[in-house]
Amino acid sequence: LHELGHFGDAAVNAQAALAAVDHAVLASAGEVQGLARSL
C-alpha cells in the first residue's frame, strides 16, 4: 500500500502502529500469551 500513497517511511509507520496496539493489548488484556495474545 505504501507504494500507492505518500505515507513516508513504511517501517517507521509500522513500528508506531505496532507499539500502539501492543500498548492497548497490555492495557486491556494484560500479559496474555499464546493464542490468547493473538486473539
PDB file of all heavy atoms in Angstrom:
ATOM      1  N   LEU A   1       0.821  -1.214   0.000  1.00  0.00           N
ATOM      2  CA  LEU A   1       0.000   0.000   0.000  1.00  0.00           C
ATOM      3  C   LEU A   1       0.853   1.262   0.000  1.00  0.00           C
ATOM      4  O   LEU A   1       0.462   2.277  -0.580  1.00  0.00           O
ATOM      5  CB  LEU A   1      -0.927   0.009   1.214  1.00  0.00           C
ATOM      6  CG  LEU A   1      -2.144  -0.907   1.160  1.00  0.00           C
ATOM      7  CD1 LEU A   1      -2.907  -0.850   2.475  1.00  0.00           C
ATOM      8  CD2 LEU A   1      -3.057  -0.527   0.004  1.00  0.00           C
ATOM      9  N   HIS A   2       2.004   1.201   0.649  1.00  0.00           N
ATOM     10  CA  HIS A   2       2.859   2.386   0.713  1.00  0.00           C
ATOM     11  C   HIS A   2       3.339   2.813  -0.672  1.00  0.00           C
ATOM     12  O   HIS A   2       3.685   3.978  -0.870  1.00  0.00           O
ATOM     13  CB  HIS A   2       4.055   2.134   1.641  1.00  0.00           C
ATOM     14  CG  HIS A   2       3.783   2.540   3.057  1.00  0.00           C
ATOM     15  ND1 HIS A   2       2.931   1.842   3.882  1.00  0.00           N
ATOM     16  CD2 HIS A   2       4.228   3.595   3.787  1.00  0.00           C
ATOM     17  CE1 HIS A   2       2.876   2.439   5.062  1.00  0.00           C
ATOM     18  NE2 HIS A   2       3.645   3.493   5.025  1.00  0.00           N
ATOM     19  N   GLU A   3       3.345   1.883  -1.603  1.00  0.00           N
ATOM     20  CA  GLU A   3       3.734   2.243  -2.963  1.00  0.00           C
ATOM     21  C   GLU A   3       2.673   3.109  -3.646  1.00  0.00           C
ATOM     22  O   GLU A   3       2.962   3.794  -4.626  1.00  0.00           O
ATOM     23  CB  GLU A   3       3.957   0.975  -3.792  1.00  0.00           C
ATOM     24  CG  GLU A   3       5.037   0.050  -3.245  1.00  0.00           C
ATOM     25  CD  GLU A   3       5.100  -1.254  -4.016  1.00  0.00           C
ATOM     26  OE1 GLU A   3       4.318  -1.392  -4.987  1.00  0.00           O
ATOM     27  OE2 GLU A   3       5.924  -2.121  -3.658  1.00  0.00           O
ATOM     28  N   LEU A   4       1.456   3.081  -3.128  1.00  0.00           N
ATOM     29  CA  LEU A   4       0.345   3.794  -3.760  1.00  0.00           C
ATOM     30  C   LEU A   4       0.007   5.098  -3.056  1.00  0.00           C
ATOM     31  O   LEU A   4      -0.964   5.759  -3.434  1.00  0.00           O
ATOM     32  CB  LEU A   4      -0.897   2.896  -3.791  1.00  0.00           C
ATOM     33  CG  LEU A   4      -0.724   1.531  -4.471  1.00  0.00           C
ATOM     34  CD1 LEU A   4      -2.014   0.743  -4.415  1.00  0.00           C
ATOM     35  CD2 LEU A   4      -0.283   1.729  -5.925  1.00  0.00           C
ATOM     36  N   GLY A   5       0.771   5.468  -2.068  1.00  0.00           N
ATOM     37  CA  GLY A   5       0.463   6.696  -1.348  1.00  0.00           C
ATOM     38  C   GLY A   5       1.717   7.389  -0.851  1.00  0.00           C
ATOM     39  O   GLY A   5       2.819   6.823  -0.859  1.00  0.00           O
ATOM     40  N   HIS A   6       1.545   8.618  -0.410  1.00  0.00           N
ATOM     41  CA  HIS A   6       2.651   9.388   0.166  1.00  0.00           C
ATOM     42  C   HIS A   6       2.578   9.237   1.682  1.00  0.00           C
ATOM     43  O   HIS A   6       2.121  10.129   2.402  1.00  0.00           O
ATOM     44  CB  HIS A   6       2.553  10.851  -0.259  1.00  0.00           C
ATOM     45  CG  HIS A   6       2.519  11.048  -1.741  1.00  0.00           C
ATOM     46  ND1 HIS A   6       3.588  10.760  -2.565  1.00  0.00           N
ATOM     47  CD2 HIS A   6       1.536  11.500  -2.565  1.00  0.00           C
ATOM     48  CE1 HIS A   6       3.276  11.024  -3.822  1.00  0.00           C
ATOM     49  NE2 HIS A   6       2.027  11.472  -3.857  1.00  0.00           N
ATOM     50  N   PHE A   7       3.056   8.092   2.162  1.00  0.00           N
ATOM     51  CA  PHE A   7       2.910   7.767   3.580  1.00  0.00           C
ATOM     52  C   PHE A   7       4.231   7.820   4.340  1.00  0.00           C
ATOM     53  O   PHE A   7       4.272   7.458   5.510  1.00  0.00           O
ATOM     54  CB  PHE A   7       2.305   6.365   3.736  1.00  0.00           C
ATOM     55  CG  PHE A   7       0.922   6.234   3.167  1.00  0.00           C
ATOM     56  CD1 PHE A   7       0.675   5.342   2.134  1.00  0.00           C
ATOM     57  CD2 PHE A   7      -0.127   6.996   3.645  1.00  0.00           C
ATOM     58  CE1 PHE A   7      -0.603   5.194   1.606  1.00  0.00           C
ATOM     59  CE2 PHE A   7      -1.405   6.861   3.127  1.00  0.00           C
ATOM     60  CZ  PHE A   7      -1.641   5.970   2.104  1.00  0.00           C
ATOM     61  N   GLY A   8       5.300   8.227   3.694  1.00  0.00           N
ATOM     62  CA  GLY A   8       6.573   8.296   4.382  1.00  0.00           C
ATOM     63  C   GLY A   8       7.208   6.924   4.540  1.00  0.00           C
ATOM     64  O   GLY A   8       7.020   6.028   3.721  1.00  0.00           O
ATOM     65  N   ASP A   9       7.949   6.752   5.626  1.00  0.00           N
ATOM     66  CA  ASP A   9       8.713   5.535   5.877  1.00  0.00           C
ATOM     67  C   ASP A   9       7.775   4.437   6.367  1.00  0.00           C
ATOM     68  O   ASP A   9       7.217   4.515   7.462  1.00  0.00           O
ATOM     69  CB  ASP A   9       9.790   5.819   6.928  1.00  0.00           C
ATOM     70  CG  ASP A   9      10.786   4.675   7.056  1.00  0.00           C
ATOM     71  OD1 ASP A   9      10.345   3.516   7.032  1.00  0.00           O
ATOM     72  OD2 ASP A   9      11.993   4.949   7.188  1.00  0.00           O
ATOM     73  N   ALA A  10       7.642   3.382   5.581  1.00  0.00           N
ATOM     74  CA  ALA A  10       6.725   2.295   5.929  1.00  0.00           C
ATOM     75  C   ALA A  10       7.139   1.611   7.223  1.00  0.00           C
ATOM     76  O   ALA A  10       6.300   1.275   8.060  1.00  0.00           O
ATOM     77  CB  ALA A  10       6.667   1.277   4.789  1.00  0.00           C
ATOM     78  N   ALA A  11       8.446   1.409   7.417  1.00  0.00           N
ATOM     79  CA  ALA A  11       8.923   0.725   8.613  1.00  0.00           C
ATOM     80  C   ALA A  11       8.637   1.536   9.869  1.00  0.00           C
ATOM     81  O   ALA A  11       8.206   1.002  10.892  1.00  0.00           O
ATOM     82  CB  ALA A  11      10.419   0.424   8.488  1.00  0.00           C
ATOM     83  N   VAL A  12       8.866   2.842   9.787  1.00  0.00           N
ATOM     84  CA  VAL A  12       8.610   3.715  10.940  1.00  0.00           C
ATOM     85  C   VAL A  12       7.122   3.728  11.280  1.00  0.00           C
ATOM     86  O   VAL A  12       6.725   3.634  12.442  1.00  0.00           O
ATOM     87  CB  VAL A  12       9.110   5.145  10.655  1.00  0.00           C
ATOM     88  CG1 VAL A  12       8.654   6.114  11.751  1.00  0.00           C
ATOM     89  CG2 VAL A  12      10.627   5.156  10.540  1.00  0.00           C
ATOM     90  N   ASN A  13       6.293   3.817  10.261  1.00  0.00           N
ATOM     91  CA  ASN A  13       4.851   3.814  10.486  1.00  0.00           C
ATOM     92  C   ASN A  13       4.397   2.499  11.101  1.00  0.00           C
ATOM     93  O   ASN A  13       3.538   2.478  11.982  1.00  0.00           O
ATOM     94  CB  ASN A  13       4.108   4.052   9.176  1.00  0.00           C
ATOM     95  CG  ASN A  13       4.404   5.408   8.574  1.00  0.00           C
ATOM     96  OD1 ASN A  13       4.735   6.349   9.291  1.00  0.00           O
ATOM     97  ND2 ASN A  13       4.292   5.515   7.272  1.00  0.00           N
ATOM     98  N   ALA A  14       4.965   1.398  10.607  1.00  0.00           N
ATOM     99  CA  ALA A  14       4.594   0.090  11.135  1.00  0.00           C
ATOM    100  C   ALA A  14       4.994  -0.041  12.597  1.00  0.00           C
ATOM    101  O   ALA A  14       4.236  -0.551  13.425  1.00  0.00           O
ATOM    102  CB  ALA A  14       5.240  -1.008  10.296  1.00  0.00           C
ATOM    103  N   GLN A  15       6.188   0.428  12.934  1.00  0.00           N
ATOM    104  CA  GLN A  15       6.646   0.341  14.316  1.00  0.00           C
ATOM    105  C   GLN A  15       5.757   1.158  15.244  1.00  0.00           C
ATOM    106  O   GLN A  15       5.417   0.714  16.350  1.00  0.00           O
ATOM    107  CB  GLN A  15       8.096   0.813  14.412  1.00  0.00           C
ATOM    108  CG  GLN A  15       9.095  -0.135  13.763  1.00  0.00           C
ATOM    109  CD  GLN A  15      10.471   0.486  13.611  1.00  0.00           C
ATOM    110  OE1 GLN A  15      10.732   1.592  14.099  1.00  0.00           O
ATOM    111  NE2 GLN A  15      11.361  -0.224  12.936  1.00  0.00           N
ATOM    112  N   ALA A  16       5.350   2.341  14.790  1.00  0.00           N
ATOM    113  CA  ALA A  16       4.467   3.171  15.610  1.00  0.00           C
ATOM    114  C   ALA A  16       3.111   2.501  15.802  1.00  0.00           C
ATOM    115  O   ALA A  16       2.542   2.511  16.901  1.00  0.00           O
ATOM    116  CB  ALA A  16       4.300   4.549  14.962  1.00  0.00           C
ATOM    117  N   ALA A  17       2.594   1.923  14.730  1.00  0.00           N
ATOM    118  CA  ALA A  17       1.297   1.252  14.822  1.00  0.00           C
ATOM    119  C   ALA A  17       1.379   0.034  15.725  1.00  0.00           C
ATOM    120  O   ALA A  17       0.482  -0.212  16.544  1.00  0.00           O
ATOM    121  CB  ALA A  17       0.822   0.862  13.426  1.00  0.00           C
ATOM    122  N   LEU A  18       2.453  -0.765  15.600  1.00  0.00           N
ATOM    123  CA  LEU A  18       2.613  -1.952  16.440  1.00  0.00           C
ATOM    124  C   LEU A  18       2.740  -1.575  17.905  1.00  0.00           C
ATOM    125  O   LEU A  18       2.168  -2.235  18.788  1.00  0.00           O
ATOM    126  CB  LEU A  18       3.834  -2.742  15.994  1.00  0.00           C
ATOM    127  CG  LEU A  18       3.726  -3.460  14.645  1.00  0.00           C
ATOM    128  CD1 LEU A  18       5.084  -3.953  14.186  1.00  0.00           C
ATOM    129  CD2 LEU A  18       2.743  -4.613  14.723  1.00  0.00           C
ATOM    130  N   ALA A  19       3.464  -0.510  18.183  1.00  0.00           N
ATOM    131  CA  ALA A  19       3.616  -0.066  19.569  1.00  0.00           C
ATOM    132  C   ALA A  19       2.275   0.370  20.150  1.00  0.00           C
ATOM    133  O   ALA A  19       1.974   0.087  21.319  1.00  0.00           O
ATOM    134  CB  ALA A  19       4.621   1.087  19.642  1.00  0.00           C
ATOM    135  N   ALA A  20       1.451   1.041  19.340  1.00  0.00           N
ATOM    136  CA  ALA A  20       0.141   1.490  19.811  1.00  0.00           C
ATOM    137  C   ALA A  20      -0.760   0.298  20.133  1.00  0.00           C
ATOM    138  O   ALA A  20      -1.467   0.283  21.141  1.00  0.00           O
ATOM    139  CB  ALA A  20      -0.513   2.381  18.764  1.00  0.00           C
ATOM    140  N   VAL A  21      -0.742  -0.724  19.267  1.00  0.00           N
ATOM    141  CA  VAL A  21      -1.568  -1.902  19.507  1.00  0.00           C
ATOM    142  C   VAL A  21      -1.061  -2.665  20.728  1.00  0.00           C
ATOM    143  O   VAL A  21      -1.843  -3.112  21.568  1.00  0.00           O
ATOM    144  CB  VAL A  21      -1.599  -2.823  18.278  1.00  0.00           C
ATOM    145  CG1 VAL A  21      -2.485  -4.033  18.549  1.00  0.00           C
ATOM    146  CG2 VAL A  21      -2.114  -2.072  17.059  1.00  0.00           C
ATOM    147  N   ASP A  22       0.245  -2.810  20.844  1.00  0.00           N
ATOM    148  CA  ASP A  22       0.819  -3.527  21.973  1.00  0.00           C
ATOM    149  C   ASP A  22       0.429  -2.850  23.282  1.00  0.00           C
ATOM    150  O   ASP A  22       0.066  -3.518  24.263  1.00  0.00           O
ATOM    151  CB  ASP A  22       2.337  -3.581  21.838  1.00  0.00           C
ATOM    152  CG  ASP A  22       2.955  -4.713  22.644  1.00  0.00           C
ATOM    153  OD1 ASP A  22       2.273  -5.738  22.848  1.00  0.00           O
ATOM    154  OD2 ASP A  22       4.108  -4.581  23.080  1.00  0.00           O
ATOM    155  N   HIS A  23       0.457  -1.530  23.307  1.00  0.00           N
ATOM    156  CA  HIS A  23       0.059  -0.783  24.498  1.00  0.00           C
ATOM    157  C   HIS A  23      -1.407  -1.035  24.835  1.00  0.00           C
ATOM    158  O   HIS A  23      -1.768  -1.242  26.001  1.00  0.00           O
ATOM    159  CB  HIS A  23       0.303   0.713  24.277  1.00  0.00           C
ATOM    160  CG  HIS A  23      -0.156   1.574  25.412  1.00  0.00           C
ATOM    161  ND1 HIS A  23       0.543   1.698  26.592  1.00  0.00           N
ATOM    162  CD2 HIS A  23      -1.272   2.352  25.560  1.00  0.00           C
ATOM    163  CE1 HIS A  23      -0.102   2.500  27.417  1.00  0.00           C
ATOM    164  NE2 HIS A  23      -1.198   2.911  26.811  1.00  0.00           N
ATOM    165  N   ALA A  24      -2.254  -1.039  23.803  1.00  0.00           N
ATOM    166  CA  ALA A  24      -3.689  -1.271  24.024  1.00  0.00           C
ATOM    167  C   ALA A  24      -3.951  -2.681  24.527  1.00  0.00           C
ATOM    168  O   ALA A  24      -4.785  -2.897  25.414  1.00  0.00           O
ATOM    169  CB  ALA A  24      -4.462  -1.025  22.728  1.00  0.00           C
ATOM    170  N   VAL A  25      -3.228  -3.666  23.987  1.00  0.00           N
ATOM    171  CA  VAL A  25      -3.418  -5.048  24.415  1.00  0.00           C
ATOM    172  C   VAL A  25      -2.982  -5.219  25.870  1.00  0.00           C
ATOM    173  O   VAL A  25      -3.672  -5.852  26.684  1.00  0.00           O
ATOM    174  CB  VAL A  25      -2.640  -6.012  23.502  1.00  0.00           C
ATOM    175  CG1 VAL A  25      -2.603  -7.418  24.096  1.00  0.00           C
ATOM    176  CG2 VAL A  25      -3.277  -6.044  22.123  1.00  0.00           C
ATOM    177  N   LEU A  26      -1.853  -4.630  26.225  1.00  0.00           N
ATOM    178  CA  LEU A  26      -1.385  -4.728  27.607  1.00  0.00           C
ATOM    179  C   LEU A  26      -2.353  -4.050  28.565  1.00  0.00           C
ATOM    180  O   LEU A  26      -2.580  -4.519  29.682  1.00  0.00           O
ATOM    181  CB  LEU A  26       0.009  -4.102  27.726  1.00  0.00           C
ATOM    182  CG  LEU A  26       1.156  -4.881  27.075  1.00  0.00           C
ATOM    183  CD1 LEU A  26       2.437  -4.071  27.117  1.00  0.00           C
ATOM    184  CD2 LEU A  26       1.359  -6.222  27.771  1.00  0.00           C
ATOM    185  N   ALA A  27      -2.949  -2.937  28.121  1.00  0.00           N
ATOM    186  CA  ALA A  27      -3.871  -2.215  28.983  1.00  0.00           C
ATOM    187  C   ALA A  27      -5.177  -2.961  29.189  1.00  0.00           C
ATOM    188  O   ALA A  27      -5.782  -2.898  30.264  1.00  0.00           O
ATOM    189  CB  ALA A  27      -4.154  -0.827  28.393  1.00  0.00           C
ATOM    190  N   SER A  28      -5.616  -3.683  28.162  1.00  0.00           N
ATOM    191  CA  SER A  28      -6.928  -4.323  28.243  1.00  0.00           C
ATOM    192  C   SER A  28      -6.862  -5.799  28.611  1.00  0.00           C
ATOM    193  O   SER A  28      -7.755  -6.320  29.264  1.00  0.00           O
ATOM    194  CB  SER A  28      -7.668  -4.183  26.907  1.00  0.00           C
ATOM    195  OG  SER A  28      -6.954  -4.845  25.876  1.00  0.00           O
ATOM    196  N   ALA A  29      -5.802  -6.483  28.188  1.00  0.00           N
ATOM    197  CA  ALA A  29      -5.738  -7.931  28.385  1.00  0.00           C
ATOM    198  C   ALA A  29      -4.587  -8.380  29.264  1.00  0.00           C
ATOM    199  O   ALA A  29      -4.529  -9.538  29.651  1.00  0.00           O
ATOM    200  CB  ALA A  29      -5.647  -8.637  27.026  1.00  0.00           C
ATOM    201  N   GLY A  30      -3.663  -7.479  29.564  1.00  0.00           N
ATOM    202  CA  GLY A  30      -2.549  -7.860  30.413  1.00  0.00           C
ATOM    203  C   GLY A  30      -1.516  -8.679  29.669  1.00  0.00           C
ATOM    204  O   GLY A  30      -1.440  -8.669  28.451  1.00  0.00           O
ATOM    205  N   GLU A  31      -0.715  -9.425  30.440  1.00  0.00           N
ATOM    206  CA  GLU A  31       0.392 -10.202  29.866  1.00  0.00           C
ATOM    207  C   GLU A  31      -0.110 -11.548  29.342  1.00  0.00           C
ATOM    208  O   GLU A  31       0.303 -12.609  29.804  1.00  0.00           O
ATOM    209  CB  GLU A  31       1.479 -10.415  30.920  1.00  0.00           C
ATOM    210  CG  GLU A  31       2.169  -9.151  31.359  1.00  0.00           C
ATOM    211  CD  GLU A  31       3.172  -8.635  30.337  1.00  0.00           C
ATOM    212  OE1 GLU A  31       3.406  -9.352  29.339  1.00  0.00           O
ATOM    213  OE2 GLU A  31       3.713  -7.547  30.542  1.00  0.00           O
ATOM    214  N   VAL A  32      -1.035 -11.502  28.396  1.00  0.00           N
ATOM    215  CA  VAL A  32      -1.549 -12.747  27.829  1.00  0.00           C
ATOM    216  C   VAL A  32      -0.525 -13.312  26.850  1.00  0.00           C
ATOM    217  O   VAL A  32       0.238 -12.571  26.232  1.00  0.00           O
ATOM    218  CB  VAL A  32      -2.897 -12.524  27.117  1.00  0.00           C
ATOM    219  CG1 VAL A  32      -3.981 -12.225  28.135  1.00  0.00           C
ATOM    220  CG2 VAL A  32      -2.793 -11.404  26.095  1.00  0.00           C
ATOM    221  N   GLN A  33      -0.539 -14.624  26.708  1.00  0.00           N
ATOM    222  CA  GLN A  33       0.431 -15.286  25.849  1.00  0.00           C
ATOM    223  C   GLN A  33      -0.276 -16.255  24.916  1.00  0.00           C
ATOM    224  O   GLN A  33      -1.449 -16.566  25.075  1.00  0.00           O
ATOM    225  CB  GLN A  33       1.461 -16.043  26.709  1.00  0.00           C
ATOM    226  CG  GLN A  33       2.263 -15.158  27.639  1.00  0.00           C
ATOM    227  CD  GLN A  33       3.100 -14.120  26.902  1.00  0.00           C
ATOM    228  OE1 GLN A  33       3.604 -14.382  25.807  1.00  0.00           O
ATOM    229  NE2 GLN A  33       3.248 -12.947  27.492  1.00  0.00           N
ATOM    230  N   GLY A  34       0.483 -16.746  23.921  1.00  0.00           N
ATOM    231  CA  GLY A  34      -0.022 -17.770  23.021  1.00  0.00           C
ATOM    232  C   GLY A  34      -1.222 -17.307  22.218  1.00  0.00           C
ATOM    233  O   GLY A  34      -1.285 -16.169  21.740  1.00  0.00           O
ATOM    234  N   LEU A  35      -2.203 -18.207  22.075  1.00  0.00           N
ATOM    235  CA  LEU A  35      -3.383 -17.901  21.277  1.00  0.00           C
ATOM    236  C   LEU A  35      -4.212 -16.786  21.901  1.00  0.00           C
ATOM    237  O   LEU A  35      -4.846 -16.017  21.184  1.00  0.00           O
ATOM    238  CB  LEU A  35      -4.230 -19.160  21.106  1.00  0.00           C
ATOM    239  CG  LEU A  35      -3.671 -20.209  20.152  1.00  0.00           C
ATOM    240  CD1 LEU A  35      -4.533 -21.458  20.185  1.00  0.00           C
ATOM    241  CD2 LEU A  35      -3.590 -19.661  18.736  1.00  0.00           C
ATOM    242  N   ALA A  36      -4.204 -16.696  23.226  1.00  0.00           N
ATOM    243  CA  ALA A  36      -4.945 -15.614  23.882  1.00  0.00           C
ATOM    244  C   ALA A  36      -4.370 -14.258  23.469  1.00  0.00           C
ATOM    245  O   ALA A  36      -5.117 -13.292  23.271  1.00  0.00           O
ATOM    246  CB  ALA A  36      -4.900 -15.780  25.398  1.00  0.00           C
ATOM    247  N   ARG A  37      -3.058 -14.187  23.318  1.00  0.00           N
ATOM    248  CA  ARG A  37      -2.430 -12.937  22.868  1.00  0.00           C
ATOM    249  C   ARG A  37      -2.812 -12.641  21.417  1.00  0.00           C
ATOM    250  O   ARG A  37      -3.109 -11.494  21.074  1.00  0.00           O
ATOM    251  CB  ARG A  37      -0.914 -13.032  23.012  1.00  0.00           C
ATOM    252  CG  ARG A  37      -0.169 -11.787  22.505  1.00  0.00           C
ATOM    253  CD  ARG A  37       1.320 -11.907  22.796  1.00  0.00           C
ATOM    254  NE  ARG A  37       2.078 -10.816  22.186  1.00  0.00           N
ATOM    255  CZ  ARG A  37       2.178  -9.583  22.691  1.00  0.00           C
ATOM    256  NH1 ARG A  37       1.551  -9.292  23.813  1.00  0.00           N
ATOM    257  NH2 ARG A  37       2.882  -8.656  22.074  1.00  0.00           N
ATOM    258  N   SER A  38      -2.798 -13.662  20.575  1.00  0.00           N
ATOM    259  CA  SER A  38      -3.191 -13.457  19.177  1.00  0.00           C
ATOM    260  C   SER A  38      -4.603 -12.910  19.085  1.00  0.00           C
ATOM    261  O   SER A  38      -4.881 -11.981  18.311  1.00  0.00           O
ATOM    262  CB  SER A  38      -3.092 -14.783  18.408  1.00  0.00           C
ATOM    263  OG  SER A  38      -1.767 -15.256  18.359  1.00  0.00           O
ATOM    264  N   LEU A  39      -5.499 -13.484  19.874  1.00  0.00           N
ATOM    265  CA  LEU A  39      -6.884 -13.038  19.834  1.00  0.00           C
ATOM    266  C   LEU A  39      -7.022 -11.640  20.422  1.00  0.00           C
ATOM    267  O   LEU A  39      -7.826 -10.829  19.929  1.00  0.00           O
ATOM    268  CB  LEU A  39      -7.776 -14.022  20.597  1.00  0.00           C
ATOM    269  CG  LEU A  39      -9.277 -13.815  20.459  1.00  0.00           C
ATOM    270  CD1 LEU A  39      -9.702 -13.815  18.991  1.00  0.00           C
ATOM    271  CD2 LEU A  39     -10.042 -14.889  21.222  1.00  0.00           C
TER     272      LEU A  39
END
